[in-house]
C-alpha atoms as a PDB file:
ATOM      1  CA  MET A   1      19.250 -21.698  17.423  1.00  0.00           C
ATOM      2  CA  ALA A   2      16.985 -22.463  14.862  1.00  0.00           C
ATOM      3  CA  THR A   3      14.333 -20.122  13.325  1.00  0.00           C
ATOM      4  CA  THR A   4      11.229 -21.215  12.001  1.00  0.00           C
ATOM      5  CA  ALA A   5       9.025 -19.692   9.267  1.00  0.00           C
ATOM      6  CA  PRO A   6       6.105 -17.627  10.657  1.00  0.00           C
ATOM      7  CA  ARG A   7       2.759 -19.288  10.687  1.00  0.00           C
ATOM      8  CA  LEU A   8       0.915 -17.808   7.878  1.00  0.00           C
ATOM      9  CA  PRO A   9      -3.212 -17.580   8.297  1.00  0.00           C
ATOM     10  CA  SER A  10      -4.773 -20.168   6.604  1.00  0.00           C
ATOM     11  CA  ALA A  11      -6.510 -17.427   4.061  1.00  0.00           C
ATOM     12  CA  TYR A  12      -2.548 -16.372   3.047  1.00  0.00           C
ATOM     13  CA  PRO A  13      -2.494 -15.939  -0.885  1.00  0.00           C
ATOM     14  CA  SER A  14       1.060 -17.127  -1.602  1.00  0.00           C
ATOM     15  CA  ALA A  15       1.101 -16.768  -4.915  1.00  0.00           C
ATOM     16  CA  LEU A  16       0.757 -12.728  -4.587  1.00  0.00           C
ATOM     17  CA  VAL A  17       4.721 -13.352  -3.600  1.00  0.00           C
ATOM     18  CA  GLU A  18       7.140 -11.881  -6.091  1.00  0.00           C
ATOM     19  CA  VAL A  19      10.729 -10.641  -6.181  1.00  0.00           C
ATOM     20  CA  GLY A  20      11.352  -7.987  -8.853  1.00  0.00           C
ATOM     21  CA  GLU A  21      13.984  -5.360  -9.723  1.00  0.00           C
ATOM     22  CA  LEU A  22      13.210  -1.466  -9.129  1.00  0.00           C
ATOM     23  CA  SER A  23      14.112   1.155 -11.522  1.00  0.00           C
ATOM     24  CA  ASP A  24      17.710   1.603 -10.095  1.00  0.00           C
ATOM     25  CA  GLY A  25      18.185  -2.547  -9.932  1.00  0.00           C
ATOM     26  CA  ALA A  26      17.860  -2.880  -6.410  1.00  0.00           C
ATOM     27  CA  ARG A  27      15.986  -6.030  -5.356  1.00  0.00           C
ATOM     28  CA  VAL A  28      12.461  -5.759  -3.793  1.00  0.00           C
ATOM     29  CA  ARG A  29      10.055  -8.496  -2.178  1.00  0.00           C
ATOM     30  CA  LEU A  30       6.547  -7.832  -2.698  1.00  0.00           C
ATOM     31  CA  ARG A  31       4.249 -10.331  -0.613  1.00  0.00           C
ATOM     32  CA  PRO A  32       0.774  -9.609   1.148  1.00  0.00           C
ATOM     33  CA  ILE A  33       0.953  -8.605   4.835  1.00  0.00           C
ATOM     34  CA  ARG A  34       0.769 -10.590   7.687  1.00  0.00           C
ATOM     35  CA  PRO A  35       0.116 -10.263  11.534  1.00  0.00           C
ATOM     36  CA  ASP A  36       3.196 -10.711  12.620  1.00  0.00           C
ATOM     37  CA  ASP A  37       4.623  -7.952  10.447  1.00  0.00           C
ATOM     38  CA  ALA A  38       3.248  -5.476  13.054  1.00  0.00           C
ATOM     39  CA  LEU A  39       6.577  -4.563  14.556  1.00  0.00           C
ATOM     40  CA  ARG A  40       8.533  -4.160  10.899  1.00  0.00           C
ATOM     41  CA  LEU A  41       5.149  -1.821   9.603  1.00  0.00           C
ATOM     42  CA  GLU A  42       5.515   0.327  12.915  1.00  0.00           C
ATOM     43  CA  ARG A  43       9.322   0.699  12.325  1.00  0.00           C
ATOM     44  CA  LEU A  44       8.429   1.743   8.911  1.00  0.00           C
ATOM     45  CA  LEU A  45       5.671   4.222  10.024  1.00  0.00           C
ATOM     46  CA  HIS A  46       8.292   5.521  12.546  1.00  0.00           C
ATOM     47  CA  ARG A  47      10.828   6.331   9.878  1.00  0.00           C
ATOM     48  CA  LEU A  48       8.589   8.589   7.384  1.00  0.00           C
ATOM     49  CA  SER A  49       8.992  12.106   7.473  1.00  0.00           C
ATOM     50  CA  PRO A  50       6.308  14.447   8.618  1.00  0.00           C
ATOM     51  CA  LEU A  51       5.847  15.460   5.087  1.00  0.00           C
ATOM     52  CA  THR A  52       5.318  11.656   4.219  1.00  0.00           C
ATOM     53  CA  ARG A  53       2.960  11.233   7.089  1.00  0.00           C
ATOM     54  CA  TYR A  54       0.968  14.175   6.416  1.00  0.00           C
ATOM     55  CA  ARG A  55       0.518  13.156   3.274  1.00  0.00           C
ATOM     56  CA  ARG A  56      -0.736   9.898   3.918  1.00  0.00           C
ATOM     57  CA  PHE A  57      -2.784  10.635   7.079  1.00  0.00           C
ATOM     58  CA  PHE A  58      -4.154  14.130   6.222  1.00  0.00           C
ATOM     59  CA  THR A  59      -2.959  14.951   9.845  1.00  0.00           C
ATOM     60  CA  PRO A  60       0.867  15.778  11.247  1.00  0.00           C
ATOM     61  CA  VAL A  61       0.565  12.101  12.674  1.00  0.00           C
ATOM     62  CA  PRO A  62       3.661  12.693  15.604  1.00  0.00           C
ATOM     63  CA  ARG A  63       3.767   8.652  16.078  1.00  0.00           C
ATOM     64  CA  PRO A  64       2.457   5.628  14.023  1.00  0.00           C
ATOM     65  CA  ASP A  65      -1.033   4.697  15.970  1.00  0.00           C
ATOM     66  CA  LEU A  66      -1.439   1.061  17.378  1.00  0.00           C
ATOM     67  CA  ASP A  67      -4.930   0.910  16.068  1.00  0.00           C
ATOM     68  CA  VAL A  68      -3.788   1.440  12.586  1.00  0.00           C
ATOM     69  CA  ILE A  69      -1.248  -0.734  12.614  1.00  0.00           C
ATOM     70  CA  ASP A  70      -3.506  -3.442  13.871  1.00  0.00           C
ATOM     71  CA  ARG A  71      -5.781  -2.852  10.835  1.00  0.00           C
ATOM     72  CA  LEU A  72      -3.337  -2.774   8.416  1.00  0.00           C
ATOM     73  CA  VAL A  73      -1.876  -6.616   9.499  1.00  0.00           C
ATOM     74  CA  HIS A  74      -5.277  -7.979  10.221  1.00  0.00           C
ATOM     75  CA  VAL A  75      -6.901  -8.399   6.756  1.00  0.00           C
ATOM     76  CA  ASP A  76      -8.820 -11.396   5.006  1.00  0.00           C
ATOM     77  CA  TYR A  77      -7.370 -11.286   1.969  1.00  0.00           C
ATOM     78  CA  THR A  78     -10.231 -10.772   0.041  1.00  0.00           C
ATOM     79  CA  ASP A  79     -12.143  -7.395   0.821  1.00  0.00           C
ATOM     80  CA  ARG A  80      -9.251  -6.265   2.460  1.00  0.00           C
ATOM     81  CA  LEU A  81      -5.583  -6.926   1.462  1.00  0.00           C
ATOM     82  CA  ALA A  82      -2.190  -4.971   2.214  1.00  0.00           C
ATOM     83  CA  MET A  83       0.794  -5.633   0.277  1.00  0.00           C
ATOM     84  CA  ILE A  84       4.164  -5.157   1.844  1.00  0.00           C
ATOM     85  CA  ALA A  85       7.531  -4.291   0.048  1.00  0.00           C
ATOM     86  CA  GLU A  86      10.853  -5.174   1.437  1.00  0.00           C
ATOM     87  CA  VAL A  87      14.280  -5.002   1.353  1.00  0.00           C
ATOM     88  CA  ASP A  88      16.928  -6.873   3.772  1.00  0.00           C
ATOM     89  CA  ASP A  89      13.852  -8.163   5.635  1.00  0.00           C
ATOM     90  CA  GLU A  90      12.645  -4.293   6.216  1.00  0.00           C
ATOM     91  CA  VAL A  91       9.464  -3.339   5.335  1.00  0.00           C
ATOM     92  CA  ILE A  92       9.891  -0.023   3.005  1.00  0.00           C
ATOM     93  CA  GLY A  93       6.301   0.415   1.643  1.00  0.00           C
ATOM     94  CA  VAL A  94       2.830  -0.563   1.926  1.00  0.00           C
ATOM     95  CA  ALA A  95      -0.373  -0.525  -0.049  1.00  0.00           C
ATOM     96  CA  ARG A  96      -3.718  -1.795   0.752  1.00  0.00           C
ATOM     97  CA  TYR A  97      -7.326  -1.573  -0.537  1.00  0.00           C
ATOM     98  CA  ASP A  98     -10.374  -2.065   1.946  1.00  0.00           C
ATOM     99  CA  ARG A  99     -13.565  -2.683  -0.151  1.00  0.00           C
ATOM    100  CA  VAL A 100     -16.534  -0.327  -0.039  1.00  0.00           C
ATOM    101  CA  THR A 101     -19.056  -1.556  -2.286  1.00  0.00           C
ATOM    102  CA  ALA A 102     -19.512  -4.932  -4.545  1.00  0.00           C
ATOM    103  CA  ASP A 103     -16.869  -3.655  -7.506  1.00  0.00           C
ATOM    104  CA  GLU A 104     -15.015  -0.727  -5.826  1.00  0.00           C
ATOM    105  CA  ALA A 105     -12.237  -0.460  -2.808  1.00  0.00           C
ATOM    106  CA  GLU A 106     -10.521   2.507  -1.450  1.00  0.00           C
ATOM    107  CA  VAL A 107      -6.901   2.564  -1.933  1.00  0.00           C
ATOM    108  CA  ALA A 108      -3.551   3.899   0.138  1.00  0.00           C
ATOM    109  CA  VAL A 109      -0.088   3.801  -0.334  1.00  0.00           C
ATOM    110  CA  VAL A 110       2.537   4.896   1.464  1.00  0.00           C
ATOM    111  CA  VAL A 111       6.543   4.361   0.721  1.00  0.00           C
ATOM    112  CA  GLU A 112       9.649   5.082   3.083  1.00  0.00           C
ATOM    113  CA  ASP A 113      11.081   8.597   2.229  1.00  0.00           C
ATOM    114  CA  ALA A 114      14.430   7.113   0.980  1.00  0.00           C
ATOM    115  CA  TRP A 115      12.633   4.703  -1.683  1.00  0.00           C
ATOM    116  CA  GLN A 116      10.159   7.199  -3.184  1.00  0.00           C
ATOM    117  CA  GLY A 117      10.866   7.926  -6.629  1.00  0.00           C
ATOM    118  CA  ARG A 118      12.418   4.104  -7.394  1.00  0.00           C
ATOM    119  CA  GLY A 119       9.346   2.414  -8.415  1.00  0.00           C
ATOM    120  CA  VAL A 120       8.381   0.879  -4.880  1.00  0.00           C
ATOM    121  CA  GLY A 121       4.813   2.517  -4.670  1.00  0.00           C
ATOM    122  CA  THR A 122       4.242   1.688  -8.921  1.00  0.00           C
ATOM    123  CA  ARG A 123       4.969  -2.149  -8.381  1.00  0.00           C
ATOM    124  CA  LEU A 124       3.080  -2.299  -5.054  1.00  0.00           C
ATOM    125  CA  LEU A 125      -0.091  -0.710  -6.703  1.00  0.00           C
ATOM    126  CA  TRP A 126       0.517  -3.108  -9.528  1.00  0.00           C
ATOM    127  CA  ARG A 127       0.572  -6.230  -7.911  1.00  0.00           C
ATOM    128  CA  LEU A 128      -2.335  -4.887  -5.686  1.00  0.00           C
ATOM    129  CA  SER A 129      -4.409  -4.041  -8.439  1.00  0.00           C
ATOM    130  CA  ALA A 130      -4.150  -7.380 -10.125  1.00  0.00           C
ATOM    131  CA  ALA A 131      -5.420  -9.070  -6.709  1.00  0.00           C
ATOM    132  CA  ALA A 132      -8.351  -6.761  -6.516  1.00  0.00           C
ATOM    133  CA  ARG A 133      -9.409  -7.785  -9.963  1.00  0.00           C
ATOM    134  CA  GLU A 134      -8.665 -11.312  -9.595  1.00  0.00           C
ATOM    135  CA  ARG A 135     -10.945 -10.653  -6.498  1.00  0.00           C
ATOM    136  CA  GLY A 136     -13.805  -8.941  -8.625  1.00  0.00           C
ATOM    137  CA  LEU A 137     -13.175  -5.128  -7.797  1.00  0.00           C
ATOM    138  CA  GLN A 138     -13.569  -2.747 -11.004  1.00  0.00           C
ATOM    139  CA  ALA A 139     -12.056   0.258  -9.226  1.00  0.00           C
ATOM    140  CA  PHE A 140      -9.965   1.623  -6.678  1.00  0.00           C
ATOM    141  CA  VAL A 141     -11.039   5.307  -4.989  1.00  0.00           C
ATOM    142  CA  ALA A 142      -8.914   7.669  -2.725  1.00  0.00           C
ATOM    143  CA  GLU A 143      -8.669  10.860  -1.403  1.00  0.00           C
ATOM    144  CA  VAL A 144      -5.554  12.779  -2.117  1.00  0.00           C
ATOM    145  CA  GLN A 145      -4.483  16.246  -1.037  1.00  0.00           C
ATOM    146  CA  GLY A 146      -4.581  18.520  -3.721  1.00  0.00           C
ATOM    147  CA  GLU A 147      -0.630  19.460  -3.399  1.00  0.00           C
ATOM    148  CA  ASN A 148       0.272  15.776  -3.277  1.00  0.00           C
ATOM    149  CA  ARG A 149       1.749  15.353  -6.767  1.00  0.00           C
ATOM    150  CA  PRO A 150       3.830  12.461  -6.414  1.00  0.00           C
ATOM    151  CA  MET A 151       0.599  10.350  -5.253  1.00  0.00           C
ATOM    152  CA  MET A 152      -1.261  11.863  -8.169  1.00  0.00           C
ATOM    153  CA  GLY A 153       1.012  10.552 -10.810  1.00  0.00           C
ATOM    154  CA  LEU A 154       1.348   7.366  -9.030  1.00  0.00           C
ATOM    155  CA  LEU A 155      -2.033   6.443  -9.422  1.00  0.00           C
ATOM    156  CA  ARG A 156      -2.082   7.781 -13.068  1.00  0.00           C
ATOM    157  CA  VAL A 157      -0.069   4.858 -14.173  1.00  0.00           C
ATOM    158  CA  LEU A 158      -2.353   2.225 -12.985  1.00  0.00           C
ATOM    159  CA  SER A 159      -5.363   3.196 -15.935  1.00  0.00           C
ATOM    160  CA  ASP A 160      -6.327   5.197 -18.462  1.00  0.00           C
ATOM    161  CA  ASP A 161      -9.804   5.519 -16.979  1.00  0.00           C
ATOM    162  CA  VAL A 162      -8.796   7.995 -13.896  1.00  0.00           C
ATOM    163  CA  ARG A 163     -11.197  10.670 -12.734  1.00  0.00           C
ATOM    164  CA  TRP A 164     -10.571  13.132 -10.559  1.00  0.00           C
ATOM    165  CA  GLU A 165     -13.065  15.728  -8.796  1.00  0.00           C
ATOM    166  CA  LEU A 166     -11.857  18.442  -6.580  1.00  0.00           C
ATOM    167  CA  SER A 167     -13.683  19.588  -3.412  1.00  0.00           C
ATOM    168  CA  ASP A 168     -11.854  21.444  -0.023  1.00  0.00           C
ATOM    169  CA  GLY A 169      -8.466  20.933  -1.303  1.00  0.00           C
ATOM    170  CA  ALA A 170      -8.677  17.283  -1.948  1.00  0.00           C
ATOM    171  CA  TYR A 171      -9.129  15.385  -4.996  1.00  0.00           C
ATOM    172  CA  HIS A 172     -11.109  12.458  -4.991  1.00  0.00           C
ATOM    173  CA  VAL A 173      -9.977   9.877  -7.368  1.00  0.00           C
ATOM    174  CA  ARG A 174     -11.345   6.920  -9.123  1.00  0.00           C
ATOM    175  CA  ILE A 175      -9.387   4.715 -11.244  1.00  0.00           C
ATOM    176  CA  GLY A 176     -10.847   1.787 -13.228  1.00  0.00           C
ATOM    177  CA  LEU A 177      -9.223  -1.533 -13.149  1.00  0.00           C
END
């Protein structure tokens, strides 16, 4: 039986698809998320350790919320964009932004534990920030738990224009694009 390629949404930005190499030589494909990625995204979220889930969602989420998954896979590719990283047809990371003002968007990223520290998050954020600039955004904003040093390091690679403000154990971060 022949398989057919998924039907792409009409606004799907195919120009954002890229294949690259990670710091250890592994090949990764980055592309905008599609609605048919829901099951693969759910599998990714199930594979996250409790610590990674806590750092990403600020709560010890025992299982992925289907509303979160639905929101991530249904984007307009302009004001809301999510990029996935995939290896061997499995989603290993996702980064997204949601426009909050005319020139700022909230950004978030999560990478499967086994792939952390290998450049997946960096590649996702670089690709996402380039797309954001093309869509008129000038900055990303994020809330990062005070002890989440890996995420703070990741956000620092995006720009020299990074501002941090600590409040109630979390950093409010603004990253100029």
